Amino acid sequence: MSKLSLSLIIFLLITMAGFQWIFERNEPRFLTPTITPVAPHLPSTINDTGRQSGGSS
């Protein structure tokens, strides 16, 4: 396996994990200061009021 394909696979795995952490907001504690500024610009399972979205009120 070439270095380029290995690098691409690692990049994709890290990117998918990052987006999953942002979407679910279950990132490791040490990454929270990095994720917090980015999270409002991406979709999330938690809406603006902090409640789970998708339910009827």
N, C-alpha and C. Protein backbone atom coordinates (compact mmCIF):
# COMPACT_ATOMS: atom_id res chain seq x y z
N MET A 1 0.86 -1.17 0.00
CA MET A 1 0.00 0.00 0.00
C MET A 1 0.91 1.24 0.00
N SER A 2 0.64 2.12 -0.87
CA SER A 2 1.48 3.31 -0.96
C SER A 2 1.18 4.29 0.17
N LYS A 3 2.11 5.18 0.39
CA LYS A 3 1.94 6.19 1.45
C LYS A 3 0.74 7.08 1.17
N LEU A 4 0.50 7.37 -0.09
CA LEU A 4 -0.62 8.24 -0.45
C LEU A 4 -1.96 7.60 -0.09
N SER A 5 -2.14 6.34 -0.45
CA SER A 5 -3.42 5.70 -0.14
C SER A 5 -3.58 5.50 1.37
N LEU A 6 -2.52 5.17 2.07
CA LEU A 6 -2.58 5.04 3.52
C LEU A 6 -2.93 6.38 4.17
N SER A 7 -2.32 7.45 3.69
CA SER A 7 -2.62 8.78 4.20
C SER A 7 -4.07 9.16 3.94
N LEU A 8 -4.58 8.83 2.77
CA LEU A 8 -5.97 9.13 2.42
C LEU A 8 -6.93 8.36 3.33
N ILE A 9 -6.67 7.10 3.58
CA ILE A 9 -7.53 6.30 4.46
C ILE A 9 -7.52 6.86 5.87
N ILE A 10 -6.36 7.19 6.39
CA ILE A 10 -6.26 7.76 7.74
C ILE A 10 -6.98 9.10 7.82
N PHE A 11 -6.81 9.94 6.81
CA PHE A 11 -7.49 11.23 6.77
C PHE A 11 -9.00 11.06 6.79
N LEU A 12 -9.51 10.13 5.98
CA LEU A 12 -10.96 9.90 5.94
C LEU A 12 -11.49 9.38 7.26
N LEU A 13 -10.78 8.48 7.91
CA LEU A 13 -11.21 7.96 9.20
C LEU A 13 -11.24 9.04 10.27
N ILE A 14 -10.21 9.87 10.30
CA ILE A 14 -10.17 10.97 11.28
C ILE A 14 -11.28 11.98 11.00
N THR A 15 -11.52 12.27 9.73
CA THR A 15 -12.58 13.22 9.36
C THR A 15 -13.95 12.68 9.75
N MET A 16 -14.22 11.41 9.47
CA MET A 16 -15.51 10.82 9.84
C MET A 16 -15.70 10.80 11.35
N ALA A 17 -14.65 10.48 12.09
CA ALA A 17 -14.75 10.50 13.55
C ALA A 17 -15.01 11.91 14.05
N GLY A 18 -14.35 12.89 13.47
CA GLY A 18 -14.55 14.29 13.87
C GLY A 18 -15.96 14.76 13.63
N PHE A 19 -16.51 14.47 12.45
CA PHE A 19 -17.88 14.87 12.16
C PHE A 19 -18.88 14.15 13.06
N GLN A 20 -18.62 12.89 13.38
CA GLN A 20 -19.49 12.16 14.28
C GLN A 20 -19.47 12.78 15.67
N TRP A 21 -18.29 13.16 16.14
CA TRP A 21 -18.17 13.81 17.44
C TRP A 21 -18.91 15.13 17.47
N ILE A 22 -18.79 15.91 16.39
CA ILE A 22 -19.47 17.20 16.33
C ILE A 22 -20.99 17.00 16.28
N PHE A 23 -21.45 16.03 15.48
CA PHE A 23 -22.88 15.79 15.34
C PHE A 23 -23.50 15.31 16.64
N GLU A 24 -22.85 14.40 17.32
CA GLU A 24 -23.38 13.83 18.56
C GLU A 24 -22.93 14.62 19.80
N ARG A 25 -21.93 15.48 19.65
CA ARG A 25 -21.31 16.23 20.76
C ARG A 25 -20.82 15.29 21.85
N ASN A 26 -20.14 14.21 21.44
CA ASN A 26 -19.57 13.27 22.40
C ASN A 26 -18.06 13.16 22.21
N GLU A 27 -17.45 14.29 21.86
CA GLU A 27 -16.00 14.32 21.66
C GLU A 27 -15.26 14.14 22.98
N PRO A 28 -14.02 13.71 22.92
CA PRO A 28 -13.22 13.62 24.15
C PRO A 28 -13.08 14.99 24.80
N ARG A 29 -12.98 15.02 26.10
CA ARG A 29 -12.94 16.28 26.85
C ARG A 29 -11.82 17.21 26.38
N PHE A 30 -10.65 16.67 26.05
CA PHE A 30 -9.54 17.52 25.65
C PHE A 30 -9.75 18.17 24.28
N LEU A 31 -10.70 17.66 23.48
CA LEU A 31 -10.99 18.26 22.17
C LEU A 31 -12.15 19.26 22.21
N THR A 32 -12.86 19.35 23.32
CA THR A 32 -14.01 20.24 23.40
C THR A 32 -13.67 21.69 23.07
N PRO A 33 -12.55 22.28 23.54
CA PRO A 33 -12.25 23.66 23.16
C PRO A 33 -12.04 23.84 21.65
N THR A 34 -11.63 22.80 20.96
CA THR A 34 -11.45 22.88 19.52
C THR A 34 -12.77 22.71 18.78
N ILE A 35 -13.64 21.85 19.27
CA ILE A 35 -14.90 21.53 18.61
C ILE A 35 -15.95 22.61 18.83
N THR A 36 -15.96 23.24 19.98
CA THR A 36 -16.99 24.21 20.34
C THR A 36 -17.15 25.35 19.32
N PRO A 37 -16.07 25.97 18.81
CA PRO A 37 -16.27 27.04 17.83
C PRO A 37 -16.79 26.54 16.48
N VAL A 38 -16.54 25.29 16.14
CA VAL A 38 -16.93 24.75 14.84
C VAL A 38 -18.36 24.22 14.86
N ALA A 39 -18.81 23.69 16.00
CA ALA A 39 -20.09 23.00 16.12
C ALA A 39 -21.31 23.83 15.68
N PRO A 40 -21.40 25.12 15.96
CA PRO A 40 -22.61 25.85 15.55
C PRO A 40 -22.80 25.93 14.03
N HIS A 41 -21.76 25.71 13.27
CA HIS A 41 -21.84 25.84 11.82
C HIS A 41 -22.18 24.52 11.13
N LEU A 42 -22.30 23.44 11.89
CA LEU A 42 -22.57 22.12 11.34
C LEU A 42 -23.83 21.54 11.97
N PRO A 43 -24.48 20.59 11.29
CA PRO A 43 -25.68 19.96 11.86
C PRO A 43 -25.38 19.27 13.18
N SER A 44 -26.40 19.19 14.03
CA SER A 44 -26.24 18.57 15.34
C SER A 44 -27.54 17.88 15.73
N THR A 45 -27.46 16.92 16.64
CA THR A 45 -28.66 16.27 17.14
C THR A 45 -29.33 17.11 18.22
N ILE A 46 -28.64 18.10 18.73
CA ILE A 46 -29.18 18.98 19.76
C ILE A 46 -29.50 20.32 19.12
N ASN A 47 -30.75 20.80 19.29
CA ASN A 47 -31.12 22.08 18.69
C ASN A 47 -30.65 23.24 19.58
N ASP A 48 -31.02 24.46 19.21
CA ASP A 48 -30.53 25.65 19.92
C ASP A 48 -30.95 25.73 21.37
N THR A 49 -32.05 25.11 21.75
CA THR A 49 -32.51 25.20 23.13
C THR A 49 -31.89 24.13 24.00
N GLY A 50 -31.10 23.22 23.41
CA GLY A 50 -30.42 22.21 24.18
C GLY A 50 -31.20 20.92 24.35
N ARG A 51 -32.42 20.85 23.78
CA ARG A 51 -33.23 19.64 23.86
C ARG A 51 -32.99 18.79 22.62
N GLN A 52 -33.31 17.53 22.69
CA GLN A 52 -33.20 16.65 21.54
C GLN A 52 -34.19 17.11 20.48
N SER A 53 -33.76 17.14 19.22
CA SER A 53 -34.65 17.55 18.14
C SER A 53 -35.43 16.34 17.64
N GLY A 54 -36.51 16.61 16.93
CA GLY A 54 -37.27 15.54 16.32
C GLY A 54 -38.53 15.15 17.06
N GLY A 55 -38.72 15.61 18.27
CA GLY A 55 -39.91 15.26 19.04
C GLY A 55 -40.95 16.37 18.98
N SER A 56 -42.19 16.03 19.25
CA SER A 56 -43.22 17.06 19.31
C SER A 56 -43.31 17.61 20.72
N SER A 57 -43.57 18.91 20.82
CA SER A 57 -43.61 19.55 22.14
C SER A 57 -45.01 19.66 22.66
